[in-house]
Each structure stands twice: as structure tokens, then as C-alpha cells.
Amino acid sequence: MIPVAVLVSMSTYLPPGAQTGAASVIQGESGAYWAEDTGRSTFLCSVSTLQEQPDYLYPVSHIEKMVRDAEVVVRAVAVDSLPGLPLDSMAPSEAATGDPSEIVVGFSEIRFRTTEILRGPFPTTEFTFHGIVAEEDDFNTLPVPYRMVRSSGQRGNCYARDYRLGSEYLFLLKRRDGALTPHWIPLGPTNEQIRGDDDPWVKWVREQLAEDPGMEGRPPRP
């Protein structure tokens, strides 16, 4: 879907209690709206599917489908970062070929090392996504299955982009514009911080994948 910008009231698309005012609102995929307050450069995000829910959380059936639709599910540790990144890429060499006009100010190139592939195949043991290096943990505080992204994804741009170096994350990836990305379900738990193999979210996702054995997990390539 091609984004279309219109001038509306934030209250038209945002959940109850959100701040209102004139804003440029861009409609994206899955009924998501990004609202920019042009006077203060603040961003808000709302998803039509969530607006239909009394608790503003995805139904469990949607999260089950999210896992089924993921092309790759991988655990990985955030290793290090480099400043200045174009759009999402699967390797540092590919990141360098991105359009310079798409570099996001304040974001870094976060390098991840694969620890386990739950669904694959996955082409590499290391990959990069653009994000922000966080100093604190950002574990999801909701019960499993998570029906909403972790807190850093609820700040207005629809996706979590904060990563703490040395921490492990569970990525549910899907291909967009030829590259795998965790940014395909607005406000969805597609890149959650986890606590290793016994993490409840990891266990739940494993159970869902076991019910859909069409794509088997494979170990990282040496």
C-alpha cells in the first residue's frame, strides 16, 4: 500500500486517552496509522485491529497467525553497533549499499549473532537491523502469548527498535522489499527480548511451530 498523508485529528485514529490535535497521519499496511504532530515532531501509532479490542491488544488468534506467517524465526544476541544505517539489511556489506537518503538519524547498525534457528532456512550466522542501543532491559511485561509489542515499540512508530548489547531476542521475520525484517506487524511482538531457551515466549512460539511443521528449524551454519 502506498502511504497517503492527510490532515486529521489524532483522536480519529488513536486509542482512548491519547492526546488530540491536528496532525499529518499516514496510513500503512495492516490498518496502521502513524500520526505526526507537525508542531512538536512527536509520533503516535494506532492500529485499526487493536481499536476493535476493548483492551487494545491483539487477539490470541492474530498472534498465532503471526507466528504461522513468519518466514524465519530465529534467536540472536545483539553483539555490537555502528553509527549510521540505511534501511534493514541482512549483512553489513548489504547495509553499505543502501540509499543514503534513507539513513535514520539517531539509529545505529545493530549486529546480531544467531544462537538458534527455530524456522528456516536462514542464510547467515550474523545479520544487522537498524535500531537504538538501549542501556536497560526491555522485557515484555504482558502474559504469554504476548499480544502487544514490548514497551519501546509503543512510543509512536509502531515497532520496537531498542536493543541492549549482550541481550538475546526472538525475531519473527518476514520478507519486505526483498529483505527479511521484523517490522511487518505494527505493534506486534516480532523482536522480543528473551531470557534464553527456557523463556516462556520462546516455549510458546516453539509450540506454535510444532503445530505447523512445514518449515523445520536448522542450526546456524558454521
Protein backbone atom coordinates (compact mmCIF):
# COMPACT_ATOMS: atom_id res chain seq x y z
CA MET A 1 0.00 0.00 0.00
CA ILE A 2 1.31 3.43 -0.94
CA PRO A 3 1.28 5.72 2.13
CA VAL A 4 -1.18 8.59 1.88
CA ALA A 5 -0.82 11.65 4.11
CA VAL A 6 -3.90 13.54 5.25
CA LEU A 7 -4.63 16.25 7.81
CA VAL A 8 -6.91 14.95 10.58
CA SER A 9 -7.45 14.98 14.31
CA MET A 10 -5.28 12.47 16.21
CA SER A 11 -8.38 11.38 18.11
CA THR A 12 -9.80 9.95 14.88
CA TYR A 13 -7.36 7.05 14.89
CA LEU A 14 -5.74 6.87 18.31
CA PRO A 15 -6.92 4.80 21.31
CA PRO A 16 -8.90 6.38 24.14
CA GLY A 17 -6.83 8.73 26.28
CA ALA A 18 -4.39 9.65 23.50
CA GLN A 19 -3.55 13.31 23.01
CA THR A 20 -5.56 15.07 20.34
CA GLY A 21 -4.68 17.83 17.90
CA ALA A 22 -4.02 18.47 14.24
CA ALA A 23 -1.56 16.00 12.73
CA SER A 24 -0.30 14.57 9.48
CA VAL A 25 -1.49 10.96 9.52
CA ILE A 26 -0.05 8.31 7.22
CA GLN A 27 -1.93 5.07 6.67
CA GLY A 28 0.24 1.99 6.26
CA GLU A 29 -0.16 -1.76 5.98
CA SER A 30 -2.42 -3.75 8.33
CA GLY A 31 -4.52 -0.69 9.09
CA ALA A 32 -1.72 1.08 10.97
CA TYR A 33 -1.58 4.83 11.24
CA TRP A 34 1.45 6.98 12.02
CA ALA A 35 0.43 10.42 13.32
CA GLU A 36 2.99 13.20 13.37
CA ASP A 37 2.27 16.34 15.39
CA THR A 38 3.80 18.82 12.98
CA GLY A 39 4.25 21.45 15.69
CA ARG A 40 6.30 19.30 18.07
CA SER A 41 7.60 16.49 15.84
CA THR A 42 6.06 13.78 18.01
CA PHE A 43 4.84 10.49 16.56
CA LEU A 44 1.89 8.34 17.52
CA CYS A 45 0.77 4.96 16.21
CA SER A 46 -2.61 3.31 16.10
CA VAL A 47 -3.79 0.04 14.53
CA SER A 48 -7.39 -0.43 13.45
CA THR A 49 -7.43 -4.09 14.52
CA LEU A 50 -6.44 -3.10 18.04
CA GLN A 51 -9.05 -0.36 18.16
CA GLU A 52 -11.69 -3.04 17.80
CA GLN A 53 -10.48 -4.72 21.02
CA PRO A 54 -11.62 -3.46 24.44
CA ASP A 55 -8.12 -3.90 25.89
CA TYR A 56 -6.30 -2.57 22.78
CA LEU A 57 -4.38 -5.86 22.44
CA TYR A 58 -4.22 -8.28 19.52
CA PRO A 59 -6.48 -11.32 19.87
CA VAL A 60 -4.55 -14.52 20.55
CA SER A 61 -5.69 -15.84 17.17
CA HIS A 62 -3.85 -12.95 15.49
CA ILE A 63 -0.65 -13.76 17.36
CA GLU A 64 -0.95 -17.43 16.39
CA LYS A 65 -1.32 -16.37 12.77
CA MET A 66 1.66 -14.02 13.12
CA VAL A 67 3.85 -16.97 14.10
CA ARG A 68 2.48 -19.09 11.25
CA ASP A 69 3.11 -16.30 8.73
CA ALA A 70 6.71 -15.66 9.80
CA GLU A 71 9.12 -16.94 7.15
CA VAL A 72 12.04 -17.15 9.59
CA VAL A 73 12.07 -17.45 13.38
CA VAL A 74 15.49 -17.00 14.95
CA ARG A 75 17.07 -16.34 18.32
CA ALA A 76 20.00 -13.94 18.25
CA VAL A 77 22.22 -11.89 20.56
CA ALA A 78 22.88 -8.19 19.96
CA VAL A 79 26.68 -8.11 19.60
CA ASP A 80 27.72 -4.55 18.77
CA SER A 81 26.73 -1.48 16.80
CA LEU A 82 27.97 1.01 14.25
CA PRO A 83 26.53 4.54 13.80
CA GLY A 84 24.52 5.44 10.74
CA LEU A 85 22.45 2.77 9.00
CA PRO A 86 20.35 2.72 5.85
CA LEU A 87 17.24 0.52 5.86
CA ASP A 88 17.13 -3.03 7.29
CA SER A 89 19.70 -5.37 5.79
CA MET A 90 20.79 -8.94 6.28
CA ALA A 91 24.52 -8.29 6.34
CA PRO A 92 26.87 -5.34 6.91
CA SER A 93 28.03 -5.50 3.30
CA GLU A 94 24.42 -5.12 2.10
CA ALA A 95 23.76 -2.29 4.55
CA ALA A 96 26.52 -0.26 2.92
CA THR A 97 24.69 -0.33 -0.41
CA GLY A 98 21.50 1.28 0.92
CA ASP A 99 20.15 4.58 -0.25
CA PRO A 100 21.91 7.32 1.78
CA SER A 101 18.69 9.32 1.77
CA GLU A 102 17.11 6.60 3.92
CA ILE A 103 19.62 6.81 6.77
CA VAL A 104 17.73 7.32 10.01
CA VAL A 105 19.22 9.98 12.28
CA GLY A 106 19.97 8.65 15.74
CA PHE A 107 19.81 4.98 14.70
CA SER A 108 22.76 2.61 14.67
CA GLU A 109 23.55 -0.53 12.76
CA ILE A 110 22.97 -3.30 15.33
CA ARG A 111 24.82 -6.53 14.60
CA PHE A 112 23.26 -9.79 15.81
CA ARG A 113 24.75 -13.27 16.11
CA THR A 114 22.40 -16.21 15.57
CA THR A 115 22.04 -18.60 18.52
CA GLU A 116 19.23 -20.80 17.19
CA ILE A 117 17.04 -21.11 14.12
CA LEU A 118 13.56 -22.23 15.02
CA ARG A 119 12.23 -21.87 11.48
CA GLY A 120 14.31 -21.51 8.40
CA PRO A 121 16.33 -21.78 6.31
CA PHE A 122 18.28 -18.72 7.39
CA PRO A 123 21.20 -17.59 5.21
CA THR A 124 23.69 -16.29 7.75
CA THR A 125 25.02 -16.57 11.30
CA GLU A 126 25.22 -12.79 11.61
CA PHE A 127 22.86 -10.07 10.43
CA THR A 128 22.05 -6.41 11.06
CA PHE A 129 19.00 -4.26 11.65
CA HIS A 130 18.86 -0.57 12.31
CA GLY A 131 17.94 0.41 15.83
CA ILE A 132 18.90 2.19 19.02
CA VAL A 133 21.37 0.84 21.59
CA ALA A 134 19.50 0.62 24.89
CA GLU A 135 21.10 0.78 28.33
CA GLU A 136 18.30 -1.10 30.07
CA ASP A 137 16.35 -4.31 29.52
CA ASP A 138 13.00 -4.14 27.79
CA PHE A 139 11.27 -7.43 28.57
CA ASN A 140 7.61 -7.64 27.68
CA THR A 141 5.53 -7.35 30.88
CA LEU A 142 2.39 -8.94 29.40
CA PRO A 143 1.48 -12.59 29.96
CA VAL A 144 2.41 -15.11 27.26
CA PRO A 145 1.36 -15.18 24.48
CA TYR A 146 2.35 -11.55 24.07
CA ARG A 147 -0.48 -9.63 22.44
CA MET A 148 1.44 -6.37 22.06
CA VAL A 149 5.00 -5.30 21.34
CA ARG A 150 7.35 -4.55 24.24
CA SER A 151 7.34 -1.05 25.71
CA SER A 152 9.94 0.52 23.38
CA GLY A 153 7.64 -0.26 20.44
CA GLN A 154 4.79 1.68 22.00
CA ARG A 155 6.39 5.11 21.70
CA GLY A 156 4.82 6.11 18.43
CA ASN A 157 6.45 4.50 15.38
CA CYS A 158 4.67 1.10 15.62
CA TYR A 159 7.83 -1.01 16.06
CA ALA A 160 10.41 -1.78 18.75
CA ARG A 161 13.87 -0.67 17.68
CA ASP A 162 15.73 -0.61 21.03
CA TYR A 163 18.28 -3.36 21.64
CA ARG A 164 20.58 -3.90 24.61
CA LEU A 165 24.00 -5.19 23.61
CA GLY A 166 24.67 -8.66 25.02
CA SER A 167 20.95 -9.43 25.28
CA GLU A 168 19.08 -12.06 23.29
CA TYR A 169 16.00 -11.52 21.14
CA LEU A 170 13.50 -13.73 19.37
CA PHE A 171 12.91 -12.49 15.82
CA LEU A 172 9.89 -13.38 13.73
CA LEU A 173 10.93 -12.26 10.27
CA LYS A 174 9.08 -11.77 7.01
CA ARG A 175 10.31 -10.57 3.65
CA ARG A 176 9.54 -6.99 2.66
CA ASP A 177 11.02 -5.43 -0.49
CA GLY A 178 13.30 -8.45 -0.87
CA ALA A 179 14.79 -8.38 2.65
CA LEU A 180 13.81 -10.11 5.86
CA THR A 181 12.64 -7.72 8.56
CA PRO A 182 10.96 -7.83 11.98
CA HIS A 183 8.95 -4.72 11.06
CA TRP A 184 5.91 -6.23 9.36
CA ILE A 185 3.23 -6.35 12.08
CA PRO A 186 2.64 -2.89 13.60
CA LEU A 187 2.71 -3.12 17.41
CA GLY A 188 3.28 -6.88 17.11
CA PRO A 189 5.79 -8.87 19.24
CA THR A 190 8.18 -9.73 16.42
CA ASN A 191 11.50 -8.89 18.13
CA GLU A 192 11.05 -9.52 21.84
CA GLN A 193 13.87 -9.63 24.36
CA ILE A 194 14.13 -13.12 25.88
CA ARG A 195 15.85 -14.99 28.71
CA GLY A 196 17.36 -17.95 26.89
CA ASP A 197 15.99 -21.35 25.95
CA ASP A 198 13.55 -21.58 28.87
CA ASP A 199 11.92 -18.23 28.20
CA PRO A 200 8.10 -18.60 28.25
CA TRP A 201 7.71 -16.68 24.97
CA VAL A 202 10.24 -18.95 23.27
CA LYS A 203 8.43 -22.02 24.57
CA TRP A 204 5.07 -20.74 23.33
CA VAL A 205 6.42 -19.93 19.88
CA ARG A 206 8.01 -23.40 19.72
CA GLU A 207 4.63 -24.94 20.44
CA GLN A 208 3.03 -22.98 17.62
CA LEU A 209 5.76 -24.00 15.20
CA ALA A 210 5.39 -27.66 16.23
CA GLU A 211 1.77 -27.45 15.09
CA ASP A 212 2.95 -26.11 11.72
CA PRO A 213 5.85 -28.44 10.79
CA GLY A 214 6.06 -27.34 7.16
CA MET A 215 9.32 -25.45 7.78
CA GLU A 216 11.85 -27.06 10.09
CA GLY A 217 14.39 -25.19 12.13
CA ARG A 218 18.04 -25.64 11.18
CA PRO A 219 21.19 -24.97 13.17
CA PRO A 220 23.33 -21.96 12.25
CA ARG A 221 25.92 -22.58 9.59
CA PRO A 222 29.47 -22.79 10.95
